[in-house]
Amino acid sequence: MILSDRDIKQSLESGRIKVVPSPELDKQLGACTLDMRLGNVFSVFEHSRYPILDLRSGIKIDDIMTSITIPDCDRFILQPGEFALAMTIERLELPDDLVGRIDGRSSLGRLGLIIHGTASTFEPGWKGNPTLELSNIGRMPIALYPGMRICSFTFEMLSSPAEVPYDKKMSAKYMNQDGPLPSKIIDDDTV
């Protein structure tokens, strides 16, 4: 069951769902969604220095990415066909019996902005600033501004609390992230 606006409000008030800083509900709360805002740190691939992503090369992904911090009053231009990692201003903490799902805002999707490739699920027990996987699939560059509402979260109840929530997993690679963390797939034993 997806939480309604009234259930999201109640979960925020009781601390069941934690969002810091507290959202402006009159602007960020929808009928069953909670919008989050774009932070000012972006990570981009240094594709002119590293022509290929080879997961077996031994090069760590964060070594081939550059972090860019944009002043709050400035903009980040996402070129057509480009990809960048970003994060939300808000930190999110989920209880052991709720799943969070992130989606892009329709108004931005209609410009060609995709905010996640495949990672839309935030497991029960997840804590941190959500990382956004930004792609511009349109033909024109898109100006992105820190503080703009960029994504929406929905929250869904599990049938019972998770036995091993994300914050209890030994393999929780992205726990408590506070910046747009690059892929840690080379830490997997399947590469």
C-alpha atoms as a PDB file:
ATOM      1  CA  MET A   1       0.000   0.000   0.000  1.00  0.00           C
ATOM      2  CA  ILE A   2       1.363   3.417  -1.017  1.00  0.00           C
ATOM      3  CA  LEU A   3       1.181   6.111   1.643  1.00  0.00           C
ATOM      4  CA  SER A   4      -1.174   9.042   1.023  1.00  0.00           C
ATOM      5  CA  ASP A   5      -0.323  12.664   1.736  1.00  0.00           C
ATOM      6  CA  ARG A   6      -1.961  12.370   5.162  1.00  0.00           C
ATOM      7  CA  ASP A   7       0.093   9.219   5.963  1.00  0.00           C
ATOM      8  CA  ILE A   8       3.323  10.861   4.776  1.00  0.00           C
ATOM      9  CA  LYS A   9       2.591  13.901   6.986  1.00  0.00           C
ATOM     10  CA  GLN A  10       1.840  11.676   9.963  1.00  0.00           C
ATOM     11  CA  SER A  11       5.019   9.616   9.361  1.00  0.00           C
ATOM     12  CA  LEU A  12       7.106  12.791   9.179  1.00  0.00           C
ATOM     13  CA  GLU A  13       5.522  14.222  12.344  1.00  0.00           C
ATOM     14  CA  SER A  14       6.088  11.002  14.306  1.00  0.00           C
ATOM     15  CA  GLY A  15       9.655  10.603  13.007  1.00  0.00           C
ATOM     16  CA  ARG A  16       8.885   7.275  11.318  1.00  0.00           C
ATOM     17  CA  ILE A  17      10.147   8.798   8.077  1.00  0.00           C
ATOM     18  CA  LYS A  18      12.937  11.270   8.710  1.00  0.00           C
ATOM     19  CA  VAL A  19      13.696  14.033   6.223  1.00  0.00           C
ATOM     20  CA  VAL A  20      16.297  16.677   7.100  1.00  0.00           C
ATOM     21  CA  PRO A  21      15.926  19.560   6.546  1.00  0.00           C
ATOM     22  CA  SER A  22      12.191  19.356   7.113  1.00  0.00           C
ATOM     23  CA  PRO A  23      10.296  19.717   3.850  1.00  0.00           C
ATOM     24  CA  GLU A  24       8.008  22.635   3.121  1.00  0.00           C
ATOM     25  CA  LEU A  25       4.870  20.540   2.881  1.00  0.00           C
ATOM     26  CA  ASP A  26       2.832  23.221   1.106  1.00  0.00           C
ATOM     27  CA  LYS A  27       5.376  23.066  -1.772  1.00  0.00           C
ATOM     28  CA  GLN A  28       6.850  19.562  -1.570  1.00  0.00           C
ATOM     29  CA  LEU A  29       3.919  17.302  -0.626  1.00  0.00           C
ATOM     30  CA  GLY A  30       1.683  15.827  -3.308  1.00  0.00           C
ATOM     31  CA  ALA A  31      -1.314  13.501  -2.951  1.00  0.00           C
ATOM     32  CA  CYS A  32       1.033  10.508  -2.498  1.00  0.00           C
ATOM     33  CA  THR A  33       4.522  11.945  -3.106  1.00  0.00           C
ATOM     34  CA  LEU A  34       7.161  14.014  -1.394  1.00  0.00           C
ATOM     35  CA  ASP A  35       9.342  16.171  -3.647  1.00  0.00           C
ATOM     36  CA  MET A  36      13.021  16.575  -2.867  1.00  0.00           C
ATOM     37  CA  ARG A  37      15.372  19.309  -4.016  1.00  0.00           C
ATOM     38  CA  LEU A  38      18.609  19.232  -5.975  1.00  0.00           C
ATOM     39  CA  GLY A  39      21.844  19.693  -4.059  1.00  0.00           C
ATOM     40  CA  ASN A  40      24.838  21.604  -5.404  1.00  0.00           C
ATOM     41  CA  VAL A  41      27.439  18.815  -5.789  1.00  0.00           C
ATOM     42  CA  PHE A  42      27.733  16.915  -9.068  1.00  0.00           C
ATOM     43  CA  SER A  43      30.073  14.122 -10.185  1.00  0.00           C
ATOM     44  CA  VAL A  44      30.934  13.704 -13.850  1.00  0.00           C
ATOM     45  CA  PHE A  45      33.088  11.215 -15.752  1.00  0.00           C
ATOM     46  CA  GLU A  46      36.426  12.422 -17.063  1.00  0.00           C
ATOM     47  CA  HIS A  47      35.715  10.813 -20.435  1.00  0.00           C
ATOM     48  CA  SER A  48      38.553  12.616 -22.206  1.00  0.00           C
ATOM     49  CA  ARG A  49      41.104  11.025 -19.838  1.00  0.00           C
ATOM     50  CA  TYR A  50      39.482   7.589 -19.550  1.00  0.00           C
ATOM     51  CA  PRO A  51      37.916   6.398 -22.803  1.00  0.00           C
ATOM     52  CA  ILE A  52      36.291   3.245 -21.370  1.00  0.00           C
ATOM     53  CA  LEU A  53      34.636   1.988 -18.191  1.00  0.00           C
ATOM     54  CA  ASP A  54      36.303  -1.376 -17.682  1.00  0.00           C
ATOM     55  CA  LEU A  55      35.134  -2.876 -14.402  1.00  0.00           C
ATOM     56  CA  ARG A  56      37.980  -5.410 -14.405  1.00  0.00           C
ATOM     57  CA  SER A  57      40.756  -2.879 -14.994  1.00  0.00           C
ATOM     58  CA  GLY A  58      41.324  -2.269 -11.283  1.00  0.00           C
ATOM     59  CA  ILE A  59      40.631   1.456 -11.628  1.00  0.00           C
ATOM     60  CA  LYS A  60      38.136   2.650  -9.034  1.00  0.00           C
ATOM     61  CA  ILE A  61      35.170   4.477 -10.525  1.00  0.00           C
ATOM     62  CA  ASP A  62      35.627   7.460  -8.187  1.00  0.00           C
ATOM     63  CA  ASP A  63      39.162   7.883  -9.634  1.00  0.00           C
ATOM     64  CA  ILE A  64      37.709   8.596 -13.074  1.00  0.00           C
ATOM     65  CA  MET A  65      35.067  11.040 -11.887  1.00  0.00           C
ATOM     66  CA  THR A  66      35.393  14.697 -10.950  1.00  0.00           C
ATOM     67  CA  SER A  67      33.309  16.402  -8.292  1.00  0.00           C
ATOM     68  CA  ILE A  68      31.915  19.836  -9.115  1.00  0.00           C
ATOM     69  CA  THR A  69      30.326  22.146  -6.553  1.00  0.00           C
ATOM     70  CA  ILE A  70      27.979  24.781  -7.949  1.00  0.00           C
ATOM     71  CA  PRO A  71      27.236  27.917  -5.893  1.00  0.00           C
ATOM     72  CA  ASP A  72      23.587  28.039  -4.798  1.00  0.00           C
ATOM     73  CA  CYS A  73      22.881  30.979  -7.117  1.00  0.00           C
ATOM     74  CA  ASP A  74      24.511  29.346 -10.178  1.00  0.00           C
ATOM     75  CA  ARG A  75      23.460  26.559 -12.532  1.00  0.00           C
ATOM     76  CA  PHE A  76      24.777  23.213 -13.756  1.00  0.00           C
ATOM     77  CA  ILE A  77      24.317  22.630 -17.479  1.00  0.00           C
ATOM     78  CA  LEU A  78      23.542  19.029 -18.447  1.00  0.00           C
ATOM     79  CA  GLN A  79      24.358  18.599 -22.122  1.00  0.00           C
ATOM     80  CA  PRO A  80      22.381  16.263 -24.425  1.00  0.00           C
ATOM     81  CA  GLY A  81      23.609  12.695 -24.022  1.00  0.00           C
ATOM     82  CA  GLU A  82      25.519  13.572 -20.836  1.00  0.00           C
ATOM     83  CA  PHE A  83      25.337  11.816 -17.502  1.00  0.00           C
ATOM     84  CA  ALA A  84      26.061  13.179 -14.026  1.00  0.00           C
ATOM     85  CA  LEU A  85      25.528  12.079 -10.464  1.00  0.00           C
ATOM     86  CA  ALA A  86      23.961  14.542  -8.041  1.00  0.00           C
ATOM     87  CA  MET A  87      22.230  14.364  -4.697  1.00  0.00           C
ATOM     88  CA  THR A  88      19.240  15.776  -2.932  1.00  0.00           C
ATOM     89  CA  ILE A  89      19.525  18.480  -0.308  1.00  0.00           C
ATOM     90  CA  GLU A  90      17.350  16.338   1.934  1.00  0.00           C
ATOM     91  CA  ARG A  91      18.656  13.417   3.952  1.00  0.00           C
ATOM     92  CA  LEU A  92      16.197  10.516   4.139  1.00  0.00           C
ATOM     93  CA  GLU A  93      15.868   7.791   6.767  1.00  0.00           C
ATOM     94  CA  LEU A  94      13.407   4.933   6.312  1.00  0.00           C
ATOM     95  CA  PRO A  95      12.044   2.545   8.945  1.00  0.00           C
ATOM     96  CA  ASP A  96      12.315  -1.247   8.639  1.00  0.00           C
ATOM     97  CA  ASP A  97       8.842  -1.661   7.123  1.00  0.00           C
ATOM     98  CA  LEU A  98       8.753   1.031   4.413  1.00  0.00           C
ATOM     99  CA  VAL A  99      10.208   1.121   0.906  1.00  0.00           C
ATOM    100  CA  GLY A 100      10.951   4.456  -0.756  1.00  0.00           C
ATOM    101  CA  ARG A 101      10.668   4.838  -4.530  1.00  0.00           C
ATOM    102  CA  ILE A 102      12.178   7.754  -6.392  1.00  0.00           C
ATOM    103  CA  ASP A 103      10.896   9.133  -9.670  1.00  0.00           C
ATOM    104  CA  GLY A 104      11.554  12.195 -11.727  1.00  0.00           C
ATOM    105  CA  ARG A 105       9.082  15.017 -11.857  1.00  0.00           C
ATOM    106  CA  SER A 106       6.917  14.894 -14.958  1.00  0.00           C
ATOM    107  CA  SER A 107       7.560  18.563 -15.773  1.00  0.00           C
ATOM    108  CA  LEU A 108      11.319  17.872 -15.982  1.00  0.00           C
ATOM    109  CA  GLY A 109      10.867  14.550 -17.778  1.00  0.00           C
ATOM    110  CA  ARG A 110       9.045  16.453 -20.516  1.00  0.00           C
ATOM    111  CA  LEU A 111      12.290  18.374 -21.074  1.00  0.00           C
ATOM    112  CA  GLY A 112      14.278  15.146 -21.471  1.00  0.00           C
ATOM    113  CA  LEU A 113      15.669  14.934 -17.927  1.00  0.00           C
ATOM    114  CA  ILE A 114      15.905  11.457 -16.412  1.00  0.00           C
ATOM    115  CA  ILE A 115      16.794  11.369 -12.707  1.00  0.00           C
ATOM    116  CA  HIS A 116      17.435   7.641 -12.275  1.00  0.00           C
ATOM    117  CA  GLY A 117      18.545   4.913 -14.643  1.00  0.00           C
ATOM    118  CA  THR A 118      17.555   1.808 -12.728  1.00  0.00           C
ATOM    119  CA  ALA A 119      17.980   2.567  -9.039  1.00  0.00           C
ATOM    120  CA  SER A 120      14.496   3.666  -8.042  1.00  0.00           C
ATOM    121  CA  THR A 121      14.130   1.574  -4.866  1.00  0.00           C
ATOM    122  CA  PHE A 122      15.366   2.689  -1.451  1.00  0.00           C
ATOM    123  CA  GLU A 123      15.263  -0.322   0.839  1.00  0.00           C
ATOM    124  CA  PRO A 124      13.793  -0.337   4.348  1.00  0.00           C
ATOM    125  CA  GLY A 125      16.417   0.931   6.800  1.00  0.00           C
ATOM    126  CA  TRP A 126      18.087   3.152   4.159  1.00  0.00           C
ATOM    127  CA  LYS A 127      19.718   6.354   5.471  1.00  0.00           C
ATOM    128  CA  GLY A 128      21.497   9.118   3.575  1.00  0.00           C
ATOM    129  CA  ASN A 129      21.160  11.765   0.888  1.00  0.00           C
ATOM    130  CA  PRO A 130      19.676  10.093  -2.186  1.00  0.00           C
ATOM    131  CA  THR A 131      21.979  10.055  -5.206  1.00  0.00           C
ATOM    132  CA  LEU A 132      20.422  11.045  -8.524  1.00  0.00           C
ATOM    133  CA  GLU A 133      21.561   9.505 -11.820  1.00  0.00           C
ATOM    134  CA  LEU A 134      20.930  12.453 -14.139  1.00  0.00           C
ATOM    135  CA  SER A 135      20.720  11.963 -17.901  1.00  0.00           C
ATOM    136  CA  ASN A 136      19.674  14.388 -20.588  1.00  0.00           C
ATOM    137  CA  ILE A 137      17.991  12.382 -23.341  1.00  0.00           C
ATOM    138  CA  GLY A 138      16.724  15.511 -25.085  1.00  0.00           C
ATOM    139  CA  ARG A 139      18.355  17.535 -27.869  1.00  0.00           C
ATOM    140  CA  MET A 140      18.896  20.747 -25.901  1.00  0.00           C
ATOM    141  CA  PRO A 141      21.088  21.453 -22.847  1.00  0.00           C
ATOM    142  CA  ILE A 142      19.173  21.702 -19.561  1.00  0.00           C
ATOM    143  CA  ALA A 143      20.088  24.197 -16.814  1.00  0.00           C
ATOM    144  CA  LEU A 144      19.714  22.678 -13.356  1.00  0.00           C
ATOM    145  CA  TYR A 145      19.681  24.893 -10.273  1.00  0.00           C
ATOM    146  CA  PRO A 146      20.546  23.904  -6.701  1.00  0.00           C
ATOM    147  CA  GLY A 147      17.394  23.959  -4.594  1.00  0.00           C
ATOM    148  CA  MET A 148      14.973  23.176  -7.435  1.00  0.00           C
ATOM    149  CA  ARG A 149      12.447  20.391  -6.840  1.00  0.00           C
ATOM    150  CA  ILE A 150      13.897  17.596  -8.949  1.00  0.00           C
ATOM    151  CA  CYS A 151      12.387  14.284  -7.842  1.00  0.00           C
ATOM    152  CA  SER A 152       9.467  12.742  -5.990  1.00  0.00           C
ATOM    153  CA  PHE A 153       9.417   9.935  -3.458  1.00  0.00           C
ATOM    154  CA  THR A 154       6.564   7.550  -2.805  1.00  0.00           C
ATOM    155  CA  PHE A 155       6.538   5.298   0.236  1.00  0.00           C
ATOM    156  CA  GLU A 156       5.113   1.809   0.367  1.00  0.00           C
ATOM    157  CA  MET A 157       4.402  -0.475   3.343  1.00  0.00           C
ATOM    158  CA  LEU A 158       5.951  -3.939   3.437  1.00  0.00           C
ATOM    159  CA  SER A 159       3.813  -6.912   4.462  1.00  0.00           C
ATOM    160  CA  SER A 160       6.033  -7.138   7.566  1.00  0.00           C
ATOM    161  CA  PRO A 161       9.250  -5.429   8.731  1.00  0.00           C
ATOM    162  CA  ALA A 162      12.361  -6.542   6.834  1.00  0.00           C
ATOM    163  CA  GLU A 163      14.397  -9.218   8.620  1.00  0.00           C
ATOM    164  CA  VAL A 164      17.622  -7.563   7.517  1.00  0.00           C
ATOM    165  CA  PRO A 165      17.004  -3.896   6.650  1.00  0.00           C
ATOM    166  CA  TYR A 166      19.599  -1.984   4.649  1.00  0.00           C
ATOM    167  CA  ASP A 167      21.237  -0.403   7.698  1.00  0.00           C
ATOM    168  CA  LYS A 168      21.922  -3.884   9.124  1.00  0.00           C
ATOM    169  CA  LYS A 169      23.443  -5.395   5.938  1.00  0.00           C
ATOM    170  CA  MET A 170      27.179  -5.962   5.809  1.00  0.00           C
ATOM    171  CA  SER A 171      27.025  -5.156   2.076  1.00  0.00           C
ATOM    172  CA  ALA A 172      25.304  -1.751   2.475  1.00  0.00           C
ATOM    173  CA  LYS A 173      27.744   0.119   0.195  1.00  0.00           C
ATOM    174  CA  TYR A 174      25.794   3.360   0.068  1.00  0.00           C
ATOM    175  CA  MET A 175      24.733   3.700   3.710  1.00  0.00           C
ATOM    176  CA  ASN A 176      24.836   7.233   5.144  1.00  0.00           C
ATOM    177  CA  GLN A 177      26.049   8.761   1.891  1.00  0.00           C
ATOM    178  CA  ASP A 178      26.203  12.527   2.006  1.00  0.00           C
ATOM    179  CA  GLY A 179      27.371  13.179  -1.527  1.00  0.00           C
ATOM    180  CA  PRO A 180      26.797  11.752  -4.995  1.00  0.00           C
ATOM    181  CA  LEU A 181      28.786   8.539  -4.537  1.00  0.00           C
ATOM    182  CA  PRO A 182      30.090   6.843  -7.674  1.00  0.00           C
ATOM    183  CA  SER A 183      29.337   3.197  -8.374  1.00  0.00           C
ATOM    184  CA  LYS A 184      30.943   0.710  -6.044  1.00  0.00           C
ATOM    185  CA  ILE A 185      30.242  -2.225  -8.337  1.00  0.00           C
ATOM    186  CA  ILE A 186      33.917  -3.220  -8.404  1.00  0.00           C
ATOM    187  CA  ASP A 187      33.464  -4.124  -4.724  1.00  0.00           C
ATOM    188  CA  ASP A 188      31.036  -6.864  -5.831  1.00  0.00           C
ATOM    189  CA  ASP A 189      32.415 -10.351  -6.191  1.00  0.00           C
ATOM    190  CA  THR A 190      30.622 -10.871  -9.510  1.00  0.00           C
ATOM    191  CA  VAL A 191      32.631  -8.454 -11.665  1.00  0.00           C
END
